[in-house]
C-alpha atoms as a PDB file:
ATOM      1  CA  UNK A   1      82.924  85.889 100.130  1.00  0.00           C
ATOM      2  CA  UNK A   2      83.947  85.226 103.709  1.00  0.00           C
ATOM      3  CA  UNK A   3      85.268  82.068 105.337  1.00  0.00           C
ATOM      4  CA  UNK A   4      85.336  81.120 109.015  1.00  0.00           C
ATOM      5  CA  UNK A   5      87.839  78.262 108.799  1.00  0.00           C
ATOM      6  CA  UNK A   6      87.717  75.009 110.695  1.00  0.00           C
ATOM      7  CA  UNK A   7      88.637  71.359 110.244  1.00  0.00           C
ATOM      8  CA  UNK A   8      85.319  70.172 111.745  1.00  0.00           C
ATOM      9  CA  UNK A   9      82.972  73.077 110.956  1.00  0.00           C
ATOM     10  CA  UNK A  10      83.616  75.734 108.328  1.00  0.00           C
ATOM     11  CA  UNK A  11      81.421  78.780 107.844  1.00  0.00           C
ATOM     12  CA  UNK A  12      80.922  80.115 104.337  1.00  0.00           C
ATOM     13  CA  UNK A  13      79.209  83.432 103.632  1.00  0.00           C
ATOM     14  CA  UNK A  14      78.566  85.479 100.519  1.00  0.00           C
ATOM     15  CA  UNK A  15      77.281  89.045 100.497  1.00  0.00           C
ATOM     16  CA  UNK A  16      76.787  91.763  97.923  1.00  0.00           C
ATOM     17  CA  UNK A  17      78.158  95.038  99.228  1.00  0.00           C
ATOM     18  CA  UNK A  18      79.424  98.424  98.175  1.00  0.00           C
ATOM     19  CA  UNK A  19      80.908  98.876 101.642  1.00  0.00           C
ATOM     20  CA  UNK A  20      77.925 100.865 102.802  1.00  0.00           C
ATOM     21  CA  UNK A  21      74.907  98.818 101.774  1.00  0.00           C
ATOM     22  CA  UNK A  22      75.043  95.095 102.366  1.00  0.00           C
ATOM     23  CA  UNK A  23      72.846  92.364 100.954  1.00  0.00           C
ATOM     24  CA  UNK A  24      72.797  88.738 102.044  1.00  0.00           C
ATOM     25  CA  UNK A  25      73.428  86.275  99.200  1.00  0.00           C
ATOM     26  CA  UNK A  26      74.320  82.898 100.724  1.00  0.00           C
ATOM     27  CA  UNK A  27      75.644  81.198 103.830  1.00  0.00           C
ATOM     28  CA  UNK A  28      76.230  77.691 105.072  1.00  0.00           C
ATOM     29  CA  UNK A  29      78.119  75.692 107.621  1.00  0.00           C
ATOM     30  CA  UNK A  30      80.170  72.904 106.155  1.00  0.00           C
ATOM     31  CA  UNK A  31      80.007  70.017 108.630  1.00  0.00           C
ATOM     32  CA  UNK A  32      82.995  67.772 108.125  1.00  0.00           C
ATOM     33  CA  UNK A  33      83.037  64.139 109.199  1.00  0.00           C
ATOM     34  CA  UNK A  34      85.543  64.009 112.059  1.00  0.00           C
ATOM     35  CA  UNK A  35      85.848  60.243 111.588  1.00  0.00           C
ATOM     36  CA  UNK A  36      87.293  60.813 108.114  1.00  0.00           C
ATOM     37  CA  UNK A  37      91.022  61.354 107.710  1.00  0.00           C
ATOM     38  CA  UNK A  38      92.094  65.002 107.664  1.00  0.00           C
ATOM     39  CA  UNK A  39      93.203  64.664 104.030  1.00  0.00           C
ATOM     40  CA  UNK A  40      89.651  63.753 102.980  1.00  0.00           C
ATOM     41  CA  UNK A  41      88.190  66.661 104.975  1.00  0.00           C
ATOM     42  CA  UNK A  42      90.636  69.031 103.279  1.00  0.00           C
ATOM     43  CA  UNK A  43      89.475  67.728  99.897  1.00  0.00           C
ATOM     44  CA  UNK A  44      85.847  68.375 100.880  1.00  0.00           C
ATOM     45  CA  UNK A  45      86.731  71.934 101.963  1.00  0.00           C
ATOM     46  CA  UNK A  46      88.553  72.606  98.698  1.00  0.00           C
ATOM     47  CA  UNK A  47      85.717  71.192  96.583  1.00  0.00           C
ATOM     48  CA  UNK A  48      82.915  72.927  98.503  1.00  0.00           C
ATOM     49  CA  UNK A  49      84.604  76.336  98.470  1.00  0.00           C
ATOM     50  CA  UNK A  50      85.207  75.908  94.728  1.00  0.00           C
ATOM     51  CA  UNK A  51      81.521  75.021  94.250  1.00  0.00           C
ATOM     52  CA  UNK A  52      80.350  78.129  96.109  1.00  0.00           C
ATOM     53  CA  UNK A  53      82.769  80.312  94.140  1.00  0.00           C
ATOM     54  CA  UNK A  54      81.481  78.879  90.843  1.00  0.00           C
ATOM     55  CA  UNK A  55      77.857  79.258  91.938  1.00  0.00           C
ATOM     56  CA  UNK A  56      78.031  82.845  93.255  1.00  0.00           C
ATOM     57  CA  UNK A  57      81.029  84.346  91.378  1.00  0.00           C
ATOM     58  CA  UNK A  58      82.352  86.519  94.204  1.00  0.00           C
ATOM     59  CA  UNK A  59      84.801  89.286  93.337  1.00  0.00           C
ATOM     60  CA  UNK A  60      86.612  89.131  96.673  1.00  0.00           C
ATOM     61  CA  UNK A  61      87.621  86.441  99.145  1.00  0.00           C
ATOM     62  CA  UNK A  62      88.338  87.019 102.828  1.00  0.00           C
ATOM     63  CA  UNK A  63      89.277  84.548 105.530  1.00  0.00           C
ATOM     64  CA  UNK A  64      89.925  84.716 109.245  1.00  0.00           C
ATOM     65  CA  UNK A  65      93.584  84.440 110.284  1.00  0.00           C
ATOM     66  CA  UNK A  66      94.803  81.593 112.448  1.00  0.00           C
ATOM     67  CA  UNK A  67      94.709  82.575 116.085  1.00  0.00           C
ATOM     68  CA  UNK A  68      97.005  81.199 118.745  1.00  0.00           C
ATOM     69  CA  UNK A  69      95.712  78.010 120.259  1.00  0.00           C
ATOM     70  CA  UNK A  70      96.688  76.156 123.398  1.00  0.00           C
ATOM     71  CA  UNK A  71      96.576  72.944 121.371  1.00  0.00           C
ATOM     72  CA  UNK A  72      99.246  72.816 118.649  1.00  0.00           C
ATOM     73  CA  UNK A  73      97.487  69.950 116.836  1.00  0.00           C
ATOM     74  CA  UNK A  74      94.274  71.982 116.544  1.00  0.00           C
ATOM     75  CA  UNK A  75      96.194  75.014 115.275  1.00  0.00           C
ATOM     76  CA  UNK A  76      97.909  72.897 112.606  1.00  0.00           C
ATOM     77  CA  UNK A  77      94.602  71.404 111.429  1.00  0.00           C
ATOM     78  CA  UNK A  78      93.038  74.874 111.330  1.00  0.00           C
ATOM     79  CA  UNK A  79      95.950  76.123 109.244  1.00  0.00           C
ATOM     80  CA  UNK A  80      95.540  73.252 106.802  1.00  0.00           C
ATOM     81  CA  UNK A  81      91.786  73.915 106.511  1.00  0.00           C
ATOM     82  CA  UNK A  82      92.533  77.571 105.787  1.00  0.00           C
ATOM     83  CA  UNK A  83      95.048  76.486 103.150  1.00  0.00           C
ATOM     84  CA  UNK A  84      92.514  74.294 101.363  1.00  0.00           C
ATOM     85  CA  UNK A  85      89.989  77.161 101.238  1.00  0.00           C
ATOM     86  CA  UNK A  86      92.623  79.684 100.155  1.00  0.00           C
ATOM     87  CA  UNK A  87      93.804  77.395  97.330  1.00  0.00           C
ATOM     88  CA  UNK A  88      90.228  77.251  96.001  1.00  0.00           C
ATOM     89  CA  UNK A  89      90.110  81.041  95.911  1.00  0.00           C
ATOM     90  CA  UNK A  90      93.532  81.458  94.305  1.00  0.00           C
ATOM     91  CA  UNK A  91      92.759  78.886  91.606  1.00  0.00           C
ATOM     92  CA  UNK A  92      89.555  80.834  90.860  1.00  0.00           C
ATOM     93  CA  UNK A  93      91.627  84.000  90.407  1.00  0.00           C
ATOM     94  CA  UNK A  94      90.430  85.730  93.567  1.00  0.00           C
ATOM     95  CA  UNK A  95      92.679  87.950  95.635  1.00  0.00           C
ATOM     96  CA  UNK A  96      92.770  86.724  99.249  1.00  0.00           C
ATOM     97  CA  UNK A  97      92.396  89.073 102.222  1.00  0.00           C
ATOM     98  CA  UNK A  98      93.049  87.891 105.762  1.00  0.00           C
ATOM     99  CA  UNK A  99      91.727  89.441 108.984  1.00  0.00           C
ATOM    100  CA  UNK A 100      92.281  88.695 112.644  1.00  0.00           C
ATOM    101  CA  UNK A 101      89.315  87.777 114.837  1.00  0.00           C
ATOM    102  CA  UNK A 102      89.735  91.115 116.631  1.00  0.00           C
ATOM    103  CA  UNK A 103      89.621  93.084 113.346  1.00  0.00           C
ATOM    104  CA  UNK A 104      86.471  91.248 112.275  1.00  0.00           C
ATOM    105  CA  UNK A 105      84.684  91.840 115.580  1.00  0.00           C
ATOM    106  CA  UNK A 106      85.789  95.498 115.630  1.00  0.00           C
ATOM    107  CA  UNK A 107      84.476  96.042 112.113  1.00  0.00           C
ATOM    108  CA  UNK A 108      81.107  94.356 112.639  1.00  0.00           C
ATOM    109  CA  UNK A 109      80.306  94.957 116.319  1.00  0.00           C
ATOM    110  CA  UNK A 110      82.462  97.960 117.182  1.00  0.00           C
ATOM    111  CA  UNK A 111      84.617  96.177 119.741  1.00  0.00           C
ATOM    112  CA  UNK A 112      87.320  93.592 119.251  1.00  0.00           C
ATOM    113  CA  UNK A 113      86.217  91.871 122.465  1.00  0.00           C
ATOM    114  CA  UNK A 114      82.724  90.971 121.200  1.00  0.00           C
ATOM    115  CA  UNK A 115      81.427  87.462 121.822  1.00  0.00           C
ATOM    116  CA  UNK A 116      79.780  85.113 119.290  1.00  0.00           C
ATOM    117  CA  UNK A 117      76.258  86.154 120.305  1.00  0.00           C
ATOM    118  CA  UNK A 118      77.059  89.830 119.663  1.00  0.00           C
ATOM    119  CA  UNK A 119      78.583  88.998 116.279  1.00  0.00           C
ATOM    120  CA  UNK A 120      75.521  86.940 115.287  1.00  0.00           C
ATOM    121  CA  UNK A 121      73.199  89.751 116.386  1.00  0.00           C
ATOM    122  CA  UNK A 122      75.045  92.451 114.415  1.00  0.00           C
ATOM    123  CA  UNK A 123      75.360  90.270 111.298  1.00  0.00           C
ATOM    124  CA  UNK A 124      71.589  89.752 111.365  1.00  0.00           C
ATOM    125  CA  UNK A 125      71.020  93.504 111.722  1.00  0.00           C
ATOM    126  CA  UNK A 126      73.535  94.507 109.037  1.00  0.00           C
ATOM    127  CA  UNK A 127      72.126  91.974 106.559  1.00  0.00           C
ATOM    128  CA  UNK A 128      68.480  92.373 107.606  1.00  0.00           C
ATOM    129  CA  UNK A 129      68.123  88.667 108.409  1.00  0.00           C
ATOM    130  CA  UNK A 130      65.340  87.064 110.406  1.00  0.00           C
ATOM    131  CA  UNK A 131      65.367  83.823 112.363  1.00  0.00           C
ATOM    132  CA  UNK A 132      68.247  81.746 113.624  1.00  0.00           C
ATOM    133  CA  UNK A 133      71.672  82.098 112.069  1.00  0.00           C
ATOM    134  CA  UNK A 134      74.199  79.325 112.765  1.00  0.00           C
ATOM    135  CA  UNK A 135      77.320  80.630 114.570  1.00  0.00           C
ATOM    136  CA  UNK A 136      79.893  79.538 111.968  1.00  0.00           C
ATOM    137  CA  UNK A 137      77.811  80.917 109.084  1.00  0.00           C
ATOM    138  CA  UNK A 138      77.400  84.202 111.000  1.00  0.00           C
ATOM    139  CA  UNK A 139      81.160  84.353 111.547  1.00  0.00           C
ATOM    140  CA  UNK A 140      81.783  83.819 107.812  1.00  0.00           C
ATOM    141  CA  UNK A 141      79.319  86.574 106.957  1.00  0.00           C
ATOM    142  CA  UNK A 142      81.113  88.785 109.506  1.00  0.00           C
ATOM    143  CA  UNK A 143      84.403  88.126 107.679  1.00  0.00           C
ATOM    144  CA  UNK A 144      82.751  89.171 104.395  1.00  0.00           C
ATOM    145  CA  UNK A 145      81.275  92.309 106.014  1.00  0.00           C
ATOM    146  CA  UNK A 146      84.645  93.210 107.525  1.00  0.00           C
ATOM    147  CA  UNK A 147      86.311  92.931 104.129  1.00  0.00           C
ATOM    148  CA  UNK A 148      83.592  94.999 102.455  1.00  0.00           C
ATOM    149  CA  UNK A 149      83.901  97.766 105.065  1.00  0.00           C
ATOM    150  CA  UNK A 150      87.701  97.853 105.035  1.00  0.00           C
ATOM    151  CA  UNK A 151      87.893  97.730 101.226  1.00  0.00           C
ATOM    152  CA  UNK A 152      85.414 100.595 100.905  1.00  0.00           C
ATOM    153  CA  UNK A 153      87.320 102.651 103.481  1.00  0.00           C
ATOM    154  CA  UNK A 154      90.627 102.032 101.699  1.00  0.00           C
ATOM    155  CA  UNK A 155      89.054 103.077  98.398  1.00  0.00           C
ATOM    156  CA  UNK A 156      87.743 106.309  99.936  1.00  0.00           C
ATOM    157  CA  UNK A 157      91.120 107.057 101.542  1.00  0.00           C
ATOM    158  CA  UNK A 158      92.933 106.565  98.218  1.00  0.00           C
ATOM    159  CA  UNK A 159      90.629 109.199  96.718  1.00  0.00           C
ATOM    160  CA  UNK A 160      91.682 111.852  99.252  1.00  0.00           C
END
């Protein structure tokens, strides 16, 4: 399961992967009411991530790290949104992996400088998806793909 965190929009993606073969399971973009207090939005994030975990029973949970922002208020809200999602995973007994935006782009596209359009395109190719894929959902699926690839690589390296 991958999460692209946000306090207004949060991408959620679930894949089935052995690190080599990837299958799309589920994705969505959680649209949070910006008129609601942040505390209520955090409750919605927690509840929705818990619901997806219960529905799809992922064995792994990965989330994008907080990146530096010019706006401290936005960075704080992003960190709180991440915390709400992470708490859902921890309560469900999932180990949490965190990746930087650069690591995710490098893993999925091949360059850490990829833009959103390139990430969406590669996610669609890697998961054999047709049609439009919302940007935040694509980013969450990219987080899940990154974790699957890195976990598989680490497993292979441990065997050497």
